Amino acid sequence: MKRTKKEQLEFTATELFWKHGFKKVSIDEICKKANVSRKTFYTFFENKSALVIHLMKKMTDEAFLESRKIIEGEGTFAEKVEKSLNLKLERNKNMSIEFVADFYNPDSTDILDCFNLIIKDSMSMLTEFLRKAQSTGEMNPDLNLNYVLWLMQKQIEFCSSPELMSMFPDVDTITKQLTLSLIYGILPIKK
């Protein structure tokens, strides 16, 4: 299937951003690898930040749709958490540490505003999911939901720490460790 020029720019940018982060990748590099002129680039995107925001929104919309299917689908709370973790790991596969660092520490206030809106929407969906699990007794009702959400927000902030990133070989491992430690704590997982 042949891609349009815009799709080729999106595909190439995503590939380069995930490998090198978006701060290090230039518009010229994207255009060269996509075999598209700078003029064509500017036909679709005002600048590199606009491209990054476009890709963030596209990626987030897809992730929210998949997450919503899991949350509203069949299964227990524990099964849904497991499916959500697997989805998160699958979506983060091949994502570089550089990309995560740029994602959590963007240069552009537009990118930061977009990122914060994504976090807000994500936390809203998560709050609804956890509140329902507490009401059905599938999640510990003694846990203060605001505290759990605060911990999750802190985990997002941890992702900008070079110290944390240096402890792990890749984003998959960081994601899994943060999620498992929040969900299961330090006790072994009972199978």
N, C-alpha and C. Protein backbone atom coordinates (compact mmCIF):
# COMPACT_ATOMS: atom_id res chain seq x y z
N MET A 1 0.83 -1.17 0.00
CA MET A 1 0.00 0.00 0.00
C MET A 1 0.88 1.24 0.00
N LYS A 2 0.67 2.08 -0.95
CA LYS A 2 1.46 3.30 -1.08
C LYS A 2 0.92 4.37 -0.14
N ARG A 3 1.83 5.04 0.54
CA ARG A 3 1.45 6.11 1.47
C ARG A 3 1.39 7.44 0.74
N THR A 4 0.51 8.32 1.25
CA THR A 4 0.51 9.70 0.76
C THR A 4 1.76 10.38 1.29
N LYS A 5 2.05 11.57 0.79
CA LYS A 5 3.23 12.30 1.27
C LYS A 5 3.10 12.63 2.76
N LYS A 6 1.90 12.99 3.18
CA LYS A 6 1.69 13.29 4.60
C LYS A 6 1.90 12.03 5.44
N GLU A 7 1.34 10.91 4.99
CA GLU A 7 1.52 9.65 5.72
C GLU A 7 2.99 9.25 5.77
N GLN A 8 3.71 9.50 4.68
CA GLN A 8 5.14 9.18 4.65
C GLN A 8 5.91 10.05 5.65
N LEU A 9 5.55 11.33 5.72
CA LEU A 9 6.18 12.21 6.72
C LEU A 9 5.88 11.72 8.14
N GLU A 10 4.63 11.37 8.40
CA GLU A 10 4.23 10.89 9.73
C GLU A 10 4.98 9.60 10.08
N PHE A 11 5.00 8.66 9.14
CA PHE A 11 5.67 7.37 9.37
C PHE A 11 7.15 7.57 9.65
N THR A 12 7.80 8.37 8.81
CA THR A 12 9.23 8.59 8.95
C THR A 12 9.55 9.34 10.24
N ALA A 13 8.78 10.38 10.53
CA ALA A 13 9.00 11.14 11.76
C ALA A 13 8.83 10.25 12.99
N THR A 14 7.79 9.45 12.99
CA THR A 14 7.56 8.54 14.12
C THR A 14 8.75 7.61 14.30
N GLU A 15 9.20 7.03 13.22
CA GLU A 15 10.34 6.11 13.26
C GLU A 15 11.59 6.81 13.81
N LEU A 16 11.87 8.00 13.31
CA LEU A 16 13.05 8.76 13.76
C LEU A 16 12.90 9.24 15.20
N PHE A 17 11.72 9.76 15.54
CA PHE A 17 11.50 10.25 16.89
C PHE A 17 11.62 9.13 17.92
N TRP A 18 11.04 7.98 17.61
CA TRP A 18 11.09 6.86 18.56
C TRP A 18 12.51 6.36 18.75
N LYS A 19 13.31 6.49 17.73
CA LYS A 19 14.69 6.00 17.82
C LYS A 19 15.62 7.03 18.47
N HIS A 20 15.46 8.32 18.13
CA HIS A 20 16.41 9.34 18.56
C HIS A 20 15.82 10.42 19.47
N GLY A 21 14.51 10.40 19.67
CA GLY A 21 13.85 11.50 20.36
C GLY A 21 13.56 12.58 19.34
N PHE A 22 12.65 13.49 19.65
CA PHE A 22 12.30 14.49 18.64
C PHE A 22 13.16 15.74 18.70
N LYS A 23 13.89 15.96 19.78
CA LYS A 23 14.74 17.15 19.86
C LYS A 23 15.91 17.07 18.89
N LYS A 24 16.48 15.87 18.72
CA LYS A 24 17.68 15.70 17.89
C LYS A 24 17.38 15.57 16.40
N VAL A 25 16.15 15.26 16.06
CA VAL A 25 15.79 15.02 14.66
C VAL A 25 15.37 16.35 14.01
N SER A 26 15.96 16.63 12.87
CA SER A 26 15.64 17.88 12.16
C SER A 26 14.58 17.66 11.09
N ILE A 27 13.96 18.74 10.69
CA ILE A 27 12.99 18.69 9.59
C ILE A 27 13.68 18.19 8.32
N ASP A 28 14.90 18.67 8.08
CA ASP A 28 15.65 18.21 6.90
C ASP A 28 15.86 16.70 6.92
N GLU A 29 16.19 16.15 8.08
CA GLU A 29 16.39 14.71 8.21
C GLU A 29 15.10 13.94 7.92
N ILE A 30 14.00 14.44 8.44
CA ILE A 30 12.69 13.80 8.20
C ILE A 30 12.38 13.83 6.71
N CYS A 31 12.53 15.01 6.10
CA CYS A 31 12.20 15.17 4.68
C CYS A 31 13.09 14.28 3.81
N LYS A 32 14.36 14.25 4.11
CA LYS A 32 15.30 13.44 3.31
C LYS A 32 14.92 11.96 3.37
N LYS A 33 14.72 11.47 4.60
CA LYS A 33 14.39 10.05 4.75
C LYS A 33 13.00 9.72 4.17
N ALA A 34 12.08 10.67 4.25
CA ALA A 34 10.72 10.45 3.72
C ALA A 34 10.66 10.68 2.22
N ASN A 35 11.74 11.20 1.66
CA ASN A 35 11.81 11.53 0.23
C ASN A 35 10.72 12.55 -0.14
N VAL A 36 10.64 13.59 0.71
CA VAL A 36 9.65 14.65 0.55
C VAL A 36 10.38 15.99 0.71
N SER A 37 9.97 16.99 -0.04
CA SER A 37 10.63 18.29 0.04
C SER A 37 10.21 19.05 1.30
N ARG A 38 11.04 20.04 1.68
CA ARG A 38 10.70 20.90 2.82
C ARG A 38 9.40 21.64 2.54
N LYS A 39 9.22 22.06 1.30
CA LYS A 39 8.00 22.78 0.93
C LYS A 39 6.77 21.90 1.21
N THR A 40 6.87 20.63 0.86
CA THR A 40 5.77 19.70 1.12
C THR A 40 5.55 19.55 2.62
N PHE A 41 6.66 19.46 3.38
CA PHE A 41 6.55 19.38 4.84
C PHE A 41 5.70 20.54 5.36
N TYR A 42 6.05 21.75 4.93
CA TYR A 42 5.37 22.94 5.42
C TYR A 42 3.95 23.09 4.88
N THR A 43 3.60 22.32 3.88
CA THR A 43 2.22 22.27 3.40
C THR A 43 1.33 21.63 4.47
N PHE A 44 1.89 20.66 5.17
CA PHE A 44 1.13 19.89 6.17
C PHE A 44 1.34 20.36 7.61
N PHE A 45 2.55 20.84 7.92
CA PHE A 45 2.88 21.18 9.30
C PHE A 45 3.58 22.54 9.36
N GLU A 46 3.17 23.35 10.33
CA GLU A 46 3.74 24.69 10.49
C GLU A 46 5.22 24.63 10.86
N ASN A 47 5.55 23.63 11.69
CA ASN A 47 6.93 23.45 12.17
C ASN A 47 7.05 22.05 12.78
N LYS A 48 8.20 21.76 13.33
CA LYS A 48 8.42 20.43 13.90
C LYS A 48 7.54 20.21 15.13
N SER A 49 7.33 21.23 15.93
CA SER A 49 6.45 21.10 17.10
C SER A 49 5.04 20.72 16.69
N ALA A 50 4.55 21.31 15.61
CA ALA A 50 3.21 20.97 15.11
C ALA A 50 3.14 19.50 14.70
N LEU A 51 4.21 19.01 14.09
CA LEU A 51 4.27 17.59 13.71
C LEU A 51 4.28 16.71 14.96
N VAL A 52 5.08 17.07 15.94
CA VAL A 52 5.15 16.29 17.18
C VAL A 52 3.78 16.25 17.85
N ILE A 53 3.11 17.39 17.94
CA ILE A 53 1.78 17.46 18.56
C ILE A 53 0.78 16.62 17.77
N HIS A 54 0.82 16.71 16.45
CA HIS A 54 -0.06 15.90 15.60
C HIS A 54 0.14 14.41 15.89
N LEU A 55 1.39 13.99 15.96
CA LEU A 55 1.69 12.57 16.20
C LEU A 55 1.31 12.16 17.62
N MET A 56 1.52 13.05 18.60
CA MET A 56 1.13 12.75 19.98
C MET A 56 -0.38 12.53 20.08
N LYS A 57 -1.14 13.43 19.43
CA LYS A 57 -2.60 13.32 19.47
C LYS A 57 -3.07 12.04 18.77
N LYS A 58 -2.45 11.74 17.64
CA LYS A 58 -2.82 10.54 16.89
C LYS A 58 -2.53 9.28 17.73
N MET A 59 -1.34 9.24 18.32
CA MET A 59 -0.94 8.10 19.15
C MET A 59 -1.86 7.98 20.36
N THR A 60 -2.18 9.10 20.98
CA THR A 60 -3.03 9.11 22.17
C THR A 60 -4.45 8.69 21.85
N ASP A 61 -5.00 9.19 20.75
CA ASP A 61 -6.35 8.81 20.35
C ASP A 61 -6.46 7.30 20.16
N GLU A 62 -5.46 6.71 19.51
CA GLU A 62 -5.45 5.26 19.30
C GLU A 62 -5.34 4.53 20.64
N ALA A 63 -4.46 5.00 21.51
CA ALA A 63 -4.27 4.35 22.82
C ALA A 63 -5.54 4.46 23.67
N PHE A 64 -6.19 5.62 23.67
CA PHE A 64 -7.41 5.80 24.45
C PHE A 64 -8.52 4.88 23.93
N LEU A 65 -8.63 4.75 22.64
CA LEU A 65 -9.64 3.88 22.05
C LEU A 65 -9.41 2.43 22.49
N GLU A 66 -8.17 1.98 22.40
CA GLU A 66 -7.84 0.61 22.81
C GLU A 66 -8.06 0.42 24.31
N SER A 67 -7.66 1.41 25.11
CA SER A 67 -7.84 1.33 26.56
C SER A 67 -9.32 1.30 26.93
N ARG A 68 -10.09 2.12 26.27
CA ARG A 68 -11.53 2.17 26.54
C ARG A 68 -12.17 0.80 26.25
N LYS A 69 -11.73 0.14 25.17
CA LYS A 69 -12.25 -1.19 24.85
C LYS A 69 -11.95 -2.18 25.98
N ILE A 70 -10.75 -2.09 26.54
CA ILE A 70 -10.36 -2.97 27.64
C ILE A 70 -11.21 -2.67 28.87
N ILE A 71 -11.28 -1.41 29.24
CA ILE A 71 -12.00 -1.00 30.45
C ILE A 71 -13.48 -1.37 30.38
N GLU A 72 -14.08 -1.17 29.23
CA GLU A 72 -15.51 -1.43 29.08
C GLU A 72 -15.82 -2.86 28.66
N GLY A 73 -14.78 -3.64 28.39
CA GLY A 73 -14.97 -5.00 27.93
C GLY A 73 -15.23 -5.98 29.06
N GLU A 74 -15.25 -7.24 28.67
CA GLU A 74 -15.48 -8.32 29.63
C GLU A 74 -14.22 -8.58 30.45
N GLY A 75 -14.44 -9.11 31.65
CA GLY A 75 -13.32 -9.53 32.49
C GLY A 75 -13.34 -8.85 33.85
N THR A 76 -12.53 -9.40 34.73
CA THR A 76 -12.40 -8.84 36.07
C THR A 76 -11.49 -7.63 36.04
N PHE A 77 -11.46 -6.90 37.12
CA PHE A 77 -10.57 -5.75 37.26
C PHE A 77 -9.12 -6.19 37.06
N ALA A 78 -8.73 -7.28 37.70
CA ALA A 78 -7.35 -7.79 37.59
C ALA A 78 -7.01 -8.13 36.13
N GLU A 79 -7.95 -8.77 35.43
CA GLU A 79 -7.71 -9.11 34.02
C GLU A 79 -7.58 -7.86 33.16
N LYS A 80 -8.38 -6.85 33.46
CA LYS A 80 -8.32 -5.61 32.71
C LYS A 80 -7.01 -4.87 32.98
N VAL A 81 -6.55 -4.92 34.22
CA VAL A 81 -5.26 -4.29 34.56
C VAL A 81 -4.15 -5.00 33.80
N GLU A 82 -4.19 -6.32 33.77
CA GLU A 82 -3.18 -7.12 33.05
C GLU A 82 -3.21 -6.79 31.54
N LYS A 83 -4.40 -6.73 30.97
CA LYS A 83 -4.52 -6.39 29.54
C LYS A 83 -4.00 -4.98 29.28
N SER A 84 -4.30 -4.06 30.19
CA SER A 84 -3.84 -2.67 30.04
C SER A 84 -2.32 -2.60 30.11
N LEU A 85 -1.73 -3.37 31.02
CA LEU A 85 -0.27 -3.41 31.13
C LEU A 85 0.33 -3.95 29.84
N ASN A 86 -0.24 -5.03 29.33
CA ASN A 86 0.27 -5.61 28.08
C ASN A 86 0.13 -4.63 26.91
N LEU A 87 -0.97 -3.91 26.87
CA LEU A 87 -1.17 -2.89 25.83
C LEU A 87 -0.11 -1.80 25.94
N LYS A 88 0.13 -1.36 27.16
CA LYS A 88 1.13 -0.31 27.40
C LYS A 88 2.51 -0.78 26.96
N LEU A 89 2.86 -2.01 27.30
CA LEU A 89 4.17 -2.55 26.91
C LEU A 89 4.27 -2.69 25.39
N GLU A 90 3.19 -3.12 24.76
CA GLU A 90 3.19 -3.27 23.30
C GLU A 90 3.34 -1.91 22.61
N ARG A 91 2.63 -0.92 23.11
CA ARG A 91 2.69 0.42 22.51
C ARG A 91 4.07 1.06 22.71
N ASN A 92 4.74 0.72 23.80
CA ASN A 92 6.05 1.31 24.08
C ASN A 92 7.21 0.54 23.47
N LYS A 93 6.90 -0.60 22.84
CA LYS A 93 7.95 -1.41 22.25
C LYS A 93 8.72 -0.57 21.22
N ASN A 94 10.01 -0.69 21.23
CA ASN A 94 10.91 0.02 20.30
C ASN A 94 11.00 1.52 20.57
N MET A 95 10.41 2.00 21.64
CA MET A 95 10.52 3.41 21.99
C MET A 95 11.84 3.61 22.72
N SER A 96 12.61 4.59 22.31
CA SER A 96 13.92 4.82 22.91
C SER A 96 13.82 5.64 24.20
N ILE A 97 14.85 5.53 25.01
CA ILE A 97 14.96 6.34 26.21
C ILE A 97 14.98 7.83 25.82
N GLU A 98 15.61 8.14 24.70
CA GLU A 98 15.69 9.53 24.24
C GLU A 98 14.30 10.10 23.95
N PHE A 99 13.46 9.27 23.33
CA PHE A 99 12.10 9.73 23.04
C PHE A 99 11.35 10.02 24.33
N VAL A 100 11.44 9.13 25.28
CA VAL A 100 10.74 9.32 26.56
C VAL A 100 11.25 10.58 27.24
N ALA A 101 12.56 10.78 27.25
CA ALA A 101 13.12 11.98 27.88
C ALA A 101 12.59 13.24 27.20
N ASP A 102 12.54 13.25 25.87
CA ASP A 102 12.02 14.41 25.15
C ASP A 102 10.52 14.59 25.40
N PHE A 103 9.80 13.49 25.46
CA PHE A 103 8.36 13.51 25.68
C PHE A 103 8.03 14.14 27.02
N TYR A 104 8.80 13.80 28.05
CA TYR A 104 8.54 14.32 29.38
C TYR A 104 9.21 15.67 29.65
N ASN A 105 10.12 16.10 28.77
CA ASN A 105 10.80 17.39 28.92
C ASN A 105 10.88 18.11 27.58
N PRO A 106 9.75 18.45 27.01
CA PRO A 106 9.80 19.09 25.69
C PRO A 106 10.31 20.52 25.77
N ASP A 107 10.87 21.01 24.66
CA ASP A 107 11.34 22.39 24.57
C ASP A 107 10.18 23.35 24.37
N SER A 108 9.19 22.92 23.63
CA SER A 108 8.08 23.77 23.22
C SER A 108 6.96 23.79 24.26
N THR A 109 6.46 24.99 24.56
CA THR A 109 5.32 25.07 25.48
C THR A 109 4.07 24.46 24.85
N ASP A 110 3.97 24.52 23.51
CA ASP A 110 2.83 23.89 22.83
C ASP A 110 2.83 22.39 23.05
N ILE A 111 4.01 21.78 22.94
CA ILE A 111 4.13 20.33 23.17
C ILE A 111 3.82 20.02 24.63
N LEU A 112 4.33 20.82 25.54
CA LEU A 112 4.09 20.62 26.97
C LEU A 112 2.59 20.75 27.28
N ASP A 113 1.94 21.75 26.70
CA ASP A 113 0.49 21.92 26.91
C ASP A 113 -0.28 20.70 26.40
N CYS A 114 0.10 20.21 25.23
CA CYS A 114 -0.54 19.02 24.66
C CYS A 114 -0.31 17.81 25.57
N PHE A 115 0.92 17.64 26.02
CA PHE A 115 1.26 16.54 26.91
C PHE A 115 0.44 16.61 28.19
N ASN A 116 0.33 17.78 28.78
CA ASN A 116 -0.44 17.94 30.03
C ASN A 116 -1.91 17.63 29.82
N LEU A 117 -2.46 18.01 28.67
CA LEU A 117 -3.85 17.68 28.36
C LEU A 117 -4.03 16.17 28.22
N ILE A 118 -3.07 15.51 27.59
CA ILE A 118 -3.11 14.05 27.45
C ILE A 118 -3.10 13.40 28.84
N ILE A 119 -2.22 13.88 29.70
CA ILE A 119 -2.14 13.34 31.07
C ILE A 119 -3.46 13.56 31.80
N LYS A 120 -4.04 14.75 31.67
CA LYS A 120 -5.32 15.05 32.33
C LYS A 120 -6.41 14.09 31.86
N ASP A 121 -6.52 13.90 30.54
CA ASP A 121 -7.53 12.99 30.00
C ASP A 121 -7.29 11.56 30.44
N SER A 122 -6.03 11.16 30.45
CA SER A 122 -5.67 9.81 30.87
C SER A 122 -6.03 9.58 32.33
N MET A 123 -5.71 10.55 33.18
CA MET A 123 -6.01 10.43 34.60
C MET A 123 -7.52 10.40 34.85
N SER A 124 -8.27 11.12 34.04
CA SER A 124 -9.72 11.11 34.17
C SER A 124 -10.29 9.72 33.87
N MET A 125 -9.82 9.12 32.78
CA MET A 125 -10.26 7.77 32.42
C MET A 125 -9.84 6.77 33.50
N LEU A 126 -8.63 6.91 33.99
CA LEU A 126 -8.13 6.02 35.03
C LEU A 126 -8.92 6.17 36.32
N THR A 127 -9.24 7.39 36.69
CA THR A 127 -10.01 7.65 37.91
C THR A 127 -11.36 6.93 37.85
N GLU A 128 -12.01 7.06 36.72
CA GLU A 128 -13.31 6.40 36.52
C GLU A 128 -13.16 4.88 36.66
N PHE A 129 -12.13 4.32 36.07
CA PHE A 129 -11.87 2.87 36.11
C PHE A 129 -11.62 2.41 37.55
N LEU A 130 -10.77 3.13 38.27
CA LEU A 130 -10.43 2.74 39.64
C LEU A 130 -11.62 2.94 40.59
N ARG A 131 -12.35 4.02 40.40
CA ARG A 131 -13.51 4.27 41.26
C ARG A 131 -14.53 3.14 41.12
N LYS A 132 -14.74 2.69 39.89
CA LYS A 132 -15.68 1.59 39.66
C LYS A 132 -15.16 0.31 40.32
N ALA A 133 -13.85 0.04 40.21
CA ALA A 133 -13.27 -1.15 40.82
C ALA A 133 -13.38 -1.11 42.34
N GLN A 134 -13.23 0.06 42.92
CA GLN A 134 -13.40 0.18 44.37
C GLN A 134 -14.85 -0.05 44.76
N SER A 135 -15.78 0.45 43.97
CA SER A 135 -17.20 0.31 44.31
C SER A 135 -17.67 -1.14 44.21
N THR A 136 -17.02 -1.94 43.36
CA THR A 136 -17.40 -3.36 43.22
C THR A 136 -16.58 -4.26 44.14
N GLY A 137 -15.61 -3.67 44.86
CA GLY A 137 -14.78 -4.46 45.77
C GLY A 137 -13.62 -5.17 45.10
N GLU A 138 -13.38 -4.88 43.83
CA GLU A 138 -12.27 -5.52 43.11
C GLU A 138 -10.94 -4.83 43.39
N MET A 139 -11.00 -3.63 43.92
CA MET A 139 -9.79 -2.90 44.31
C MET A 139 -9.93 -2.57 45.78
N ASN A 140 -8.86 -2.58 46.48
CA ASN A 140 -8.86 -2.32 47.92
C ASN A 140 -9.62 -1.03 48.21
N PRO A 141 -10.77 -1.13 48.88
CA PRO A 141 -11.58 0.06 49.16
C PRO A 141 -10.96 0.95 50.24
N ASP A 142 -9.97 0.43 50.98
CA ASP A 142 -9.32 1.21 52.03
C ASP A 142 -8.29 2.19 51.47
N LEU A 143 -7.90 2.00 50.20
CA LEU A 143 -6.92 2.91 49.61
C LEU A 143 -7.61 4.22 49.23
N ASN A 144 -6.98 5.31 49.59
CA ASN A 144 -7.46 6.62 49.20
C ASN A 144 -7.17 6.79 47.71
N LEU A 145 -8.22 6.94 46.92
CA LEU A 145 -8.08 7.02 45.47
C LEU A 145 -7.22 8.21 45.04
N ASN A 146 -7.34 9.32 45.75
CA ASN A 146 -6.51 10.48 45.43
C ASN A 146 -5.03 10.16 45.65
N TYR A 147 -4.74 9.38 46.67
CA TYR A 147 -3.36 8.97 46.93
C TYR A 147 -2.84 8.07 45.80
N VAL A 148 -3.64 7.12 45.37
CA VAL A 148 -3.25 6.22 44.27
C VAL A 148 -2.98 7.03 43.00
N LEU A 149 -3.86 7.96 42.70
CA LEU A 149 -3.70 8.81 41.51
C LEU A 149 -2.46 9.70 41.65
N TRP A 150 -2.21 10.19 42.85
CA TRP A 150 -1.01 11.00 43.10
C TRP A 150 0.25 10.16 42.84
N LEU A 151 0.23 8.92 43.33
CA LEU A 151 1.37 8.03 43.08
C LEU A 151 1.58 7.80 41.58
N MET A 152 0.51 7.61 40.87
CA MET A 152 0.62 7.41 39.42
C MET A 152 1.17 8.65 38.73
N GLN A 153 0.73 9.81 39.19
CA GLN A 153 1.25 11.06 38.63
C GLN A 153 2.74 11.19 38.92
N LYS A 154 3.15 10.80 40.11
CA LYS A 154 4.58 10.85 40.48
C LYS A 154 5.38 9.90 39.60
N GLN A 155 4.79 8.75 39.25
CA GLN A 155 5.49 7.82 38.37
C GLN A 155 5.74 8.46 37.01
N ILE A 156 4.78 9.23 36.53
CA ILE A 156 4.96 9.94 35.27
C ILE A 156 6.13 10.91 35.39
N GLU A 157 6.20 11.60 36.52
CA GLU A 157 7.31 12.54 36.74
C GLU A 157 8.64 11.80 36.83
N PHE A 158 8.64 10.59 37.39
CA PHE A 158 9.88 9.81 37.49
C PHE A 158 10.48 9.55 36.11
N CYS A 159 9.62 9.45 35.11
CA CYS A 159 10.10 9.13 33.76
C CYS A 159 11.00 10.21 33.19
N SER A 160 11.02 11.38 33.79
CA SER A 160 11.92 12.43 33.31
C SER A 160 13.26 12.40 34.03
N SER A 161 13.43 11.46 34.92
CA SER A 161 14.66 11.38 35.71
C SER A 161 15.76 10.59 34.98
N PRO A 162 16.86 11.24 34.66
CA PRO A 162 17.98 10.52 34.03
C PRO A 162 18.50 9.39 34.93
N GLU A 163 18.40 9.61 36.24
CA GLU A 163 18.84 8.58 37.19
C GLU A 163 18.02 7.30 37.03
N LEU A 164 16.69 7.45 36.95
CA LEU A 164 15.82 6.29 36.75
C LEU A 164 16.12 5.63 35.41
N MET A 165 16.22 6.43 34.38
CA MET A 165 16.45 5.89 33.04
C MET A 165 17.76 5.12 32.95
N SER A 166 18.75 5.54 33.73
CA SER A 166 20.04 4.85 33.68
C SER A 166 20.00 3.48 34.36
N MET A 167 18.94 3.21 35.13
CA MET A 167 18.82 1.92 35.82
C MET A 167 18.32 0.80 34.91
N PHE A 168 17.74 1.16 33.77
CA PHE A 168 17.08 0.17 32.93
C PHE A 168 17.58 0.24 31.50
N PRO A 169 17.57 -0.91 30.81
CA PRO A 169 18.09 -0.95 29.45
C PRO A 169 17.16 -0.35 28.40
N ASP A 170 15.84 -0.31 28.71
CA ASP A 170 14.90 0.18 27.71
C ASP A 170 13.60 0.65 28.36
N VAL A 171 12.76 1.26 27.56
CA VAL A 171 11.50 1.82 28.04
C VAL A 171 10.55 0.72 28.50
N ASP A 172 10.55 -0.42 27.82
CA ASP A 172 9.68 -1.54 28.22
C ASP A 172 9.93 -1.93 29.67
N THR A 173 11.19 -2.03 30.03
CA THR A 173 11.55 -2.46 31.38
C THR A 173 11.15 -1.40 32.41
N ILE A 174 11.36 -0.13 32.09
CA ILE A 174 10.95 0.94 33.00
C ILE A 174 9.43 0.89 33.21
N THR A 175 8.69 0.81 32.12
CA THR A 175 7.23 0.78 32.19
C THR A 175 6.75 -0.38 33.04
N LYS A 176 7.31 -1.56 32.79
CA LYS A 176 6.89 -2.75 33.54
C LYS A 176 7.22 -2.61 35.03
N GLN A 177 8.43 -2.14 35.34
CA GLN A 177 8.82 -2.00 36.74
C GLN A 177 7.94 -0.99 37.48
N LEU A 178 7.70 0.16 36.86
CA LEU A 178 6.86 1.17 37.51
C LEU A 178 5.44 0.66 37.72
N THR A 179 4.89 0.01 36.72
CA THR A 179 3.52 -0.48 36.82
C THR A 179 3.41 -1.61 37.84
N LEU A 180 4.31 -2.57 37.76
CA LEU A 180 4.26 -3.69 38.71
C LEU A 180 4.44 -3.22 40.15
N SER A 181 5.36 -2.27 40.37
CA SER A 181 5.58 -1.80 41.74
C SER A 181 4.36 -1.07 42.28
N LEU A 182 3.66 -0.35 41.43
CA LEU A 182 2.46 0.35 41.88
C LEU A 182 1.32 -0.63 42.14
N ILE A 183 1.11 -1.56 41.23
CA ILE A 183 -0.03 -2.47 41.34
C ILE A 183 0.18 -3.54 42.41
N TYR A 184 1.37 -4.13 42.44
CA TYR A 184 1.59 -5.27 43.34
C TYR A 184 2.47 -4.95 44.54
N GLY A 185 3.10 -3.79 44.55
CA GLY A 185 4.00 -3.45 45.67
C GLY A 185 5.23 -4.32 45.64
N ILE A 186 5.77 -4.61 46.82
CA ILE A 186 7.01 -5.39 46.87
C ILE A 186 6.75 -6.87 47.19
N LEU A 187 5.51 -7.23 47.39
CA LEU A 187 5.19 -8.63 47.67
C LEU A 187 5.18 -9.42 46.35
N PRO A 188 5.51 -10.70 46.41
CA PRO A 188 5.49 -11.50 45.18
C PRO A 188 4.07 -11.62 44.63
N ILE A 189 3.99 -11.72 43.31
CA ILE A 189 2.69 -11.86 42.65
C ILE A 189 2.21 -13.29 42.83
N LYS A 190 0.99 -13.45 43.35
CA LYS A 190 0.43 -14.79 43.54
C LYS A 190 -0.20 -15.24 42.23
N LYS A 191 0.19 -16.39 41.77
CA LYS A 191 -0.35 -16.92 40.50
C LYS A 191 -1.29 -18.03 40.76
